[in-house]
Amino acid sequence: MDPAQLLLIVVIVVLTLIFILLGVQVFFILREFKNTIKKANKVLDDTGVITESVSGPLSNLSMLASGVKAGAFIASLLRGKSKKHKEQ
């Protein structure tokens, strides 16, 4: 064999080994990335559940406040009518 051919074969073998190692490393990196994305998705889902559990009572409280306000308005209207009725 010619020394140039031998050098070419050695270079091809070394590059092949390097590419195989890089491929394995990329596989592990992508697997870790997949796990990280799963964890981030779980955190976002939990945040959505917490937000819904907080917003439900707050909306009920808002509805209660508007109901009390409407009741106070109706009571003031009734008081105004009763005062007018007593004056006559």
Protein backbone atom coordinates (compact mmCIF):
# COMPACT_ATOMS: atom_id res chain seq x y z
CA MET A 1 0.00 0.00 0.00
CA ASP A 2 1.03 3.50 -0.73
CA PRO A 3 1.65 5.72 2.32
CA ALA A 4 -0.92 8.23 1.00
CA GLN A 5 -3.61 5.51 0.86
CA LEU A 6 -2.70 4.35 4.38
CA LEU A 7 -2.94 7.92 5.68
CA LEU A 8 -6.28 8.36 3.93
CA ILE A 9 -7.66 5.18 5.54
CA VAL A 10 -6.46 6.28 9.00
CA VAL A 11 -8.04 9.71 8.55
CA ILE A 12 -11.34 8.15 7.41
CA VAL A 13 -11.38 5.78 10.42
CA VAL A 14 -10.60 8.60 12.87
CA LEU A 15 -13.25 10.89 11.35
CA THR A 16 -15.79 8.05 11.44
CA LEU A 17 -15.12 7.48 15.14
CA ILE A 18 -15.39 11.19 15.87
CA PHE A 19 -18.71 11.44 14.00
CA ILE A 20 -20.06 8.39 15.85
CA LEU A 21 -19.12 9.94 19.19
CA LEU A 22 -20.68 13.26 18.17
CA GLY A 23 -23.85 11.49 17.11
CA VAL A 24 -24.12 9.75 20.47
CA GLN A 25 -23.56 13.04 22.28
CA VAL A 26 -26.22 14.77 20.16
CA PHE A 27 -28.61 11.92 21.01
CA PHE A 28 -28.04 12.42 24.75
CA ILE A 29 -28.40 16.18 24.44
CA LEU A 30 -31.69 15.83 22.55
CA ARG A 31 -32.98 13.34 25.14
CA GLU A 32 -32.16 15.77 27.97
CA PHE A 33 -33.81 18.57 26.00
CA LYS A 34 -36.94 16.43 25.63
CA ASN A 35 -37.03 15.84 29.40
CA THR A 36 -36.56 19.54 30.05
CA ILE A 37 -39.42 20.42 27.71
CA LYS A 38 -41.65 17.86 29.49
CA LYS A 39 -40.84 19.43 32.86
CA ALA A 40 -41.47 22.95 31.56
CA ASN A 41 -44.80 21.80 30.10
CA LYS A 42 -45.78 20.31 33.46
CA VAL A 43 -44.90 23.57 35.22
CA LEU A 44 -47.02 25.53 32.74
CA ASP A 45 -49.93 23.12 33.21
CA ASP A 46 -49.68 23.47 36.99
CA THR A 47 -49.57 27.24 36.62
CA GLY A 48 -52.75 27.10 34.55
CA VAL A 49 -54.50 25.00 37.21
CA ILE A 50 -53.41 27.39 39.96
CA THR A 51 -54.55 30.40 37.95
CA GLU A 52 -57.96 28.84 37.36
CA SER A 53 -58.34 27.93 41.02
CA VAL A 54 -57.55 31.52 42.05
CA SER A 55 -59.64 33.22 39.36
CA GLY A 56 -62.80 31.21 40.18
CA PRO A 57 -63.24 32.55 43.74
CA LEU A 58 -62.20 36.05 42.65
CA SER A 59 -64.89 36.12 39.98
CA ASN A 60 -67.43 34.88 42.55
CA LEU A 61 -66.34 37.64 44.92
CA SER A 62 -66.74 40.18 42.12
CA MET A 63 -70.22 38.89 41.37
CA LEU A 64 -71.08 39.11 45.08
CA ALA A 65 -69.85 42.70 45.24
CA SER A 66 -71.89 43.70 42.20
CA GLY A 67 -74.93 41.96 43.73
CA VAL A 68 -74.49 43.89 46.98
CA LYS A 69 -74.11 47.12 45.00
CA ALA A 70 -77.30 46.39 43.05
CA GLY A 71 -79.11 45.52 46.30
CA ALA A 72 -77.97 48.78 47.89
CA PHE A 73 -79.19 50.70 44.85
CA ILE A 74 -82.60 49.01 45.01
CA ALA A 75 -82.78 49.66 48.76
CA SER A 76 -82.02 53.35 48.21
CA LEU A 77 -84.75 53.52 45.56
CA LEU A 78 -87.23 51.89 47.93
CA ARG A 79 -86.26 54.28 50.74
CA GLY A 80 -86.79 57.22 48.39
CA LYS A 81 -90.27 55.96 47.48
CA SER A 82 -91.17 55.33 51.12
CA LYS A 83 -90.09 58.87 52.12
CA LYS A 84 -92.16 60.36 49.31
CA HIS A 85 -95.10 58.17 50.31
CA LYS A 86 -94.87 59.33 53.97
CA GLU A 87 -94.67 63.01 52.95
CA GLN A 88 -97.90 62.77 50.97
